[in-house]
Amino acid sequence: MKNIDFKSNPIFKKLDSLNLNPDEYIIMGSGIMYALGIRPMEEINDIDILVSRSGWEKVRELGEVMHNSQNNTNSVSFLNGKLCIYDEWDPKKYTFESVYKEFRFIEGYPFQSLESLLELKRERNKNKDRIHIEEIRNYLKKN
């Protein structure tokens, strides 16, 4: 596994500054691809975080809450959208509790499991998801 320096990354520095406990959030989506060295941060665009109820209570006070009526979720963004924190995840079957059961700690940060991400990418099936699916499969073959 490629050694990632989370502490020097501005997005992770901002995440650390929010003072969330590791049991109050999960880094979702392609964040684990960065953490495992599958994709560089420059290709990921942003880090998405799903928070528990207590995590949301903390975060919603720290920035402007945006509501997405299409999927009925709320979010607060930092660093011009490079760090996005959500109260719920779309599709709704990915609740904080369900994803947290299968999370993976990497360098002290809780990430959505690679298997859960693979399932999500298959469901969404966008062009970028198909590319990510292939990259994840290649990673899993080697590891």
C-alpha atoms as a PDB file:
ATOM      1  CA  MET A   1       0.000   0.000   0.000  1.00  0.00           C
ATOM      2  CA  LYS A   2       1.200   3.452  -0.921  1.00  0.00           C
ATOM      3  CA  ASN A   3       2.056   5.557   2.131  1.00  0.00           C
ATOM      4  CA  ILE A   4      -0.368   8.512   2.284  1.00  0.00           C
ATOM      5  CA  ASP A   5       0.454  11.557   4.419  1.00  0.00           C
ATOM      6  CA  PHE A   6      -3.009  12.496   5.678  1.00  0.00           C
ATOM      7  CA  LYS A   7      -1.730  15.110   8.149  1.00  0.00           C
ATOM      8  CA  SER A   8      -0.311  17.312   5.372  1.00  0.00           C
ATOM      9  CA  ASN A   9      -3.445  17.105   3.217  1.00  0.00           C
ATOM     10  CA  PRO A  10      -5.540  20.314   3.600  1.00  0.00           C
ATOM     11  CA  ILE A  11      -8.824  18.400   3.395  1.00  0.00           C
ATOM     12  CA  PHE A  12      -7.865  16.053   6.220  1.00  0.00           C
ATOM     13  CA  LYS A  13      -6.476  18.980   8.226  1.00  0.00           C
ATOM     14  CA  LYS A  14      -9.886  20.655   7.941  1.00  0.00           C
ATOM     15  CA  LEU A  15     -11.635  17.419   8.887  1.00  0.00           C
ATOM     16  CA  ASP A  16      -9.412  17.161  11.979  1.00  0.00           C
ATOM     17  CA  SER A  17     -10.289  20.749  12.939  1.00  0.00           C
ATOM     18  CA  LEU A  18     -14.013  19.877  13.113  1.00  0.00           C
ATOM     19  CA  ASN A  19     -13.367  17.818  16.273  1.00  0.00           C
ATOM     20  CA  LEU A  20     -15.579  14.919  15.263  1.00  0.00           C
ATOM     21  CA  ASN A  21     -15.015  11.679  17.114  1.00  0.00           C
ATOM     22  CA  PRO A  22     -14.100   8.699  14.883  1.00  0.00           C
ATOM     23  CA  ASP A  23     -17.416   7.063  15.844  1.00  0.00           C
ATOM     24  CA  GLU A  24     -19.373  10.081  14.534  1.00  0.00           C
ATOM     25  CA  TYR A  25     -18.344   9.995  10.879  1.00  0.00           C
ATOM     26  CA  ILE A  26     -17.349   7.810   7.959  1.00  0.00           C
ATOM     27  CA  ILE A  27     -15.417   8.889   4.899  1.00  0.00           C
ATOM     28  CA  MET A  28     -17.594   7.749   2.014  1.00  0.00           C
ATOM     29  CA  GLY A  29     -17.185   7.280  -1.691  1.00  0.00           C
ATOM     30  CA  SER A  30     -13.818   7.490  -3.378  1.00  0.00           C
ATOM     31  CA  GLY A  31     -11.989   8.637  -0.236  1.00  0.00           C
ATOM     32  CA  ILE A  32     -10.868   5.083   0.453  1.00  0.00           C
ATOM     33  CA  MET A  33      -9.461   4.898  -3.076  1.00  0.00           C
ATOM     34  CA  TYR A  34      -7.167   7.787  -2.121  1.00  0.00           C
ATOM     35  CA  ALA A  35      -6.328   6.227   1.255  1.00  0.00           C
ATOM     36  CA  LEU A  36      -5.332   2.930  -0.354  1.00  0.00           C
ATOM     37  CA  GLY A  37      -3.326   4.588  -3.123  1.00  0.00           C
ATOM     38  CA  ILE A  38      -5.734   3.494  -5.874  1.00  0.00           C
ATOM     39  CA  ARG A  39      -6.364   7.077  -7.053  1.00  0.00           C
ATOM     40  CA  PRO A  40      -4.451  10.297  -6.345  1.00  0.00           C
ATOM     41  CA  MET A  41      -6.269  13.097  -4.534  1.00  0.00           C
ATOM     42  CA  GLU A  42      -6.109  15.274  -7.660  1.00  0.00           C
ATOM     43  CA  GLU A  43      -8.425  12.809  -9.423  1.00  0.00           C
ATOM     44  CA  ILE A  44     -10.918  12.477  -6.579  1.00  0.00           C
ATOM     45  CA  ASN A  45     -12.195  16.097  -6.506  1.00  0.00           C
ATOM     46  CA  ASP A  46     -13.586  15.996  -2.963  1.00  0.00           C
ATOM     47  CA  ILE A  47     -14.003  13.992   0.209  1.00  0.00           C
ATOM     48  CA  ASP A  48     -17.543  13.099   1.243  1.00  0.00           C
ATOM     49  CA  ILE A  49     -18.366  12.426   4.877  1.00  0.00           C
ATOM     50  CA  LEU A  50     -21.474  10.813   6.326  1.00  0.00           C
ATOM     51  CA  VAL A  51     -22.056  11.731   9.959  1.00  0.00           C
ATOM     52  CA  SER A  52     -24.101  10.281  12.793  1.00  0.00           C
ATOM     53  CA  ARG A  53     -26.822  12.353  14.438  1.00  0.00           C
ATOM     54  CA  SER A  54     -24.398  13.667  17.046  1.00  0.00           C
ATOM     55  CA  GLY A  55     -21.861  14.445  14.335  1.00  0.00           C
ATOM     56  CA  TRP A  56     -24.487  16.367  12.369  1.00  0.00           C
ATOM     57  CA  GLU A  57     -25.408  18.396  15.456  1.00  0.00           C
ATOM     58  CA  LYS A  58     -21.778  19.537  15.659  1.00  0.00           C
ATOM     59  CA  VAL A  59     -21.209  20.174  11.951  1.00  0.00           C
ATOM     60  CA  ARG A  60     -24.403  22.026  11.103  1.00  0.00           C
ATOM     61  CA  GLU A  61     -23.349  24.828  13.435  1.00  0.00           C
ATOM     62  CA  LEU A  62     -20.031  25.311  11.606  1.00  0.00           C
ATOM     63  CA  GLY A  63     -21.248  26.351   8.168  1.00  0.00           C
ATOM     64  CA  GLU A  64     -24.167  27.006   5.868  1.00  0.00           C
ATOM     65  CA  VAL A  65     -26.521  24.024   5.606  1.00  0.00           C
ATOM     66  CA  MET A  66     -27.493  23.276   2.014  1.00  0.00           C
ATOM     67  CA  HIS A  67     -30.545  21.139   1.248  1.00  0.00           C
ATOM     68  CA  ASN A  68     -30.654  18.886  -1.819  1.00  0.00           C
ATOM     69  CA  SER A  69     -34.332  18.401  -2.602  1.00  0.00           C
ATOM     70  CA  GLN A  70     -33.566  15.775  -5.268  1.00  0.00           C
ATOM     71  CA  ASN A  71     -32.353  13.227  -2.719  1.00  0.00           C
ATOM     72  CA  ASN A  72     -33.611  14.979   0.453  1.00  0.00           C
ATOM     73  CA  THR A  73     -30.205  15.292   2.115  1.00  0.00           C
ATOM     74  CA  ASN A  74     -28.518  18.156   3.929  1.00  0.00           C
ATOM     75  CA  SER A  75     -24.856  19.040   3.733  1.00  0.00           C
ATOM     76  CA  VAL A  76     -22.261  21.506   4.918  1.00  0.00           C
ATOM     77  CA  SER A  77     -19.253  22.137   2.684  1.00  0.00           C
ATOM     78  CA  PHE A  78     -15.795  23.411   3.502  1.00  0.00           C
ATOM     79  CA  LEU A  79     -12.779  24.388   1.388  1.00  0.00           C
ATOM     80  CA  ASN A  80     -14.905  25.402  -1.603  1.00  0.00           C
ATOM     81  CA  GLY A  81     -16.642  22.031  -1.727  1.00  0.00           C
ATOM     82  CA  LYS A  82     -13.520  19.891  -1.292  1.00  0.00           C
ATOM     83  CA  LEU A  83     -14.914  18.578   2.016  1.00  0.00           C
ATOM     84  CA  CYS A  84     -18.653  17.825   2.031  1.00  0.00           C
ATOM     85  CA  ILE A  85     -20.409  16.542   5.114  1.00  0.00           C
ATOM     86  CA  TYR A  86     -23.833  14.922   4.816  1.00  0.00           C
ATOM     87  CA  ASP A  87     -26.555  14.092   7.305  1.00  0.00           C
ATOM     88  CA  GLU A  88     -27.777  11.243   5.077  1.00  0.00           C
ATOM     89  CA  TRP A  89     -26.468   9.391   2.049  1.00  0.00           C
ATOM     90  CA  ASP A  90     -28.144   8.696  -1.238  1.00  0.00           C
ATOM     91  CA  PRO A  91     -29.305   6.028  -1.862  1.00  0.00           C
ATOM     92  CA  LYS A  92     -30.952   5.919   1.551  1.00  0.00           C
ATOM     93  CA  LYS A  93     -30.067   2.278   2.176  1.00  0.00           C
ATOM     94  CA  TYR A  94     -26.576   3.511   3.113  1.00  0.00           C
ATOM     95  CA  THR A  95     -27.353   4.782   6.585  1.00  0.00           C
ATOM     96  CA  PHE A  96     -24.620   5.804   8.995  1.00  0.00           C
ATOM     97  CA  GLU A  97     -25.358   2.762  11.132  1.00  0.00           C
ATOM     98  CA  SER A  98     -25.268   0.284   8.233  1.00  0.00           C
ATOM     99  CA  VAL A  99     -22.042   1.631   6.743  1.00  0.00           C
ATOM    100  CA  TYR A 100     -20.339   1.970  10.130  1.00  0.00           C
ATOM    101  CA  LYS A 101     -20.784  -1.770  10.710  1.00  0.00           C
ATOM    102  CA  GLU A 102     -18.326  -2.411   7.875  1.00  0.00           C
ATOM    103  CA  PHE A 103     -15.991   0.572   8.092  1.00  0.00           C
ATOM    104  CA  ARG A 104     -12.223   0.340   7.928  1.00  0.00           C
ATOM    105  CA  PHE A 105      -9.757   2.445   9.914  1.00  0.00           C
ATOM    106  CA  ILE A 106      -6.809   3.762   7.919  1.00  0.00           C
ATOM    107  CA  GLU A 107      -4.350   5.997   9.782  1.00  0.00           C
ATOM    108  CA  GLY A 108      -7.017   6.642  12.407  1.00  0.00           C
ATOM    109  CA  TYR A 109      -9.723   7.699   9.940  1.00  0.00           C
ATOM    110  CA  PRO A 110     -12.916   5.636   9.464  1.00  0.00           C
ATOM    111  CA  PHE A 111     -13.560   4.822   5.800  1.00  0.00           C
ATOM    112  CA  GLN A 112     -16.438   3.109   4.044  1.00  0.00           C
ATOM    113  CA  SER A 113     -15.266  -0.401   3.214  1.00  0.00           C
ATOM    114  CA  LEU A 114     -13.980  -1.062  -0.282  1.00  0.00           C
ATOM    115  CA  GLU A 115     -16.623  -3.776  -0.680  1.00  0.00           C
ATOM    116  CA  SER A 116     -19.416  -1.346   0.233  1.00  0.00           C
ATOM    117  CA  LEU A 117     -17.991   1.232  -2.179  1.00  0.00           C
ATOM    118  CA  LEU A 118     -17.862  -1.365  -4.945  1.00  0.00           C
ATOM    119  CA  GLU A 119     -21.551  -2.158  -4.353  1.00  0.00           C
ATOM    120  CA  LEU A 120     -22.422   1.558  -4.445  1.00  0.00           C
ATOM    121  CA  LYS A 121     -20.438   2.099  -7.664  1.00  0.00           C
ATOM    122  CA  ARG A 122     -22.219  -0.844  -9.303  1.00  0.00           C
ATOM    123  CA  GLU A 123     -25.609   0.621  -8.313  1.00  0.00           C
ATOM    124  CA  ARG A 124     -24.843   4.096  -9.643  1.00  0.00           C
ATOM    125  CA  ASN A 125     -23.131   2.773 -12.783  1.00  0.00           C
ATOM    126  CA  LYS A 126     -22.046   6.166 -14.146  1.00  0.00           C
ATOM    127  CA  ASN A 127     -19.088   6.357 -16.552  1.00  0.00           C
ATOM    128  CA  LYS A 128     -16.697   7.318 -13.744  1.00  0.00           C
ATOM    129  CA  ASP A 129     -18.122   4.506 -11.582  1.00  0.00           C
ATOM    130  CA  ARG A 130     -17.316   1.907 -14.241  1.00  0.00           C
ATOM    131  CA  ILE A 131     -13.722   3.169 -14.342  1.00  0.00           C
ATOM    132  CA  HIS A 132     -13.528   3.071 -10.536  1.00  0.00           C
ATOM    133  CA  ILE A 133     -14.978  -0.449 -10.459  1.00  0.00           C
ATOM    134  CA  GLU A 134     -12.191  -1.649 -12.737  1.00  0.00           C
ATOM    135  CA  GLU A 135      -9.541   0.108 -10.617  1.00  0.00           C
ATOM    136  CA  ILE A 136     -10.962  -1.418  -7.431  1.00  0.00           C
ATOM    137  CA  ARG A 137     -11.029  -4.894  -9.013  1.00  0.00           C
ATOM    138  CA  ASN A 138      -7.395  -4.513 -10.078  1.00  0.00           C
ATOM    139  CA  TYR A 139      -6.454  -3.405  -6.546  1.00  0.00           C
ATOM    140  CA  LEU A 140      -8.276  -6.363  -4.984  1.00  0.00           C
ATOM    141  CA  LYS A 141      -6.525  -8.824  -7.346  1.00  0.00           C
ATOM    142  CA  LYS A 142      -3.119  -7.514  -6.247  1.00  0.00           C
ATOM    143  CA  ASN A 143      -3.961  -7.287  -2.558  1.00  0.00           C
END
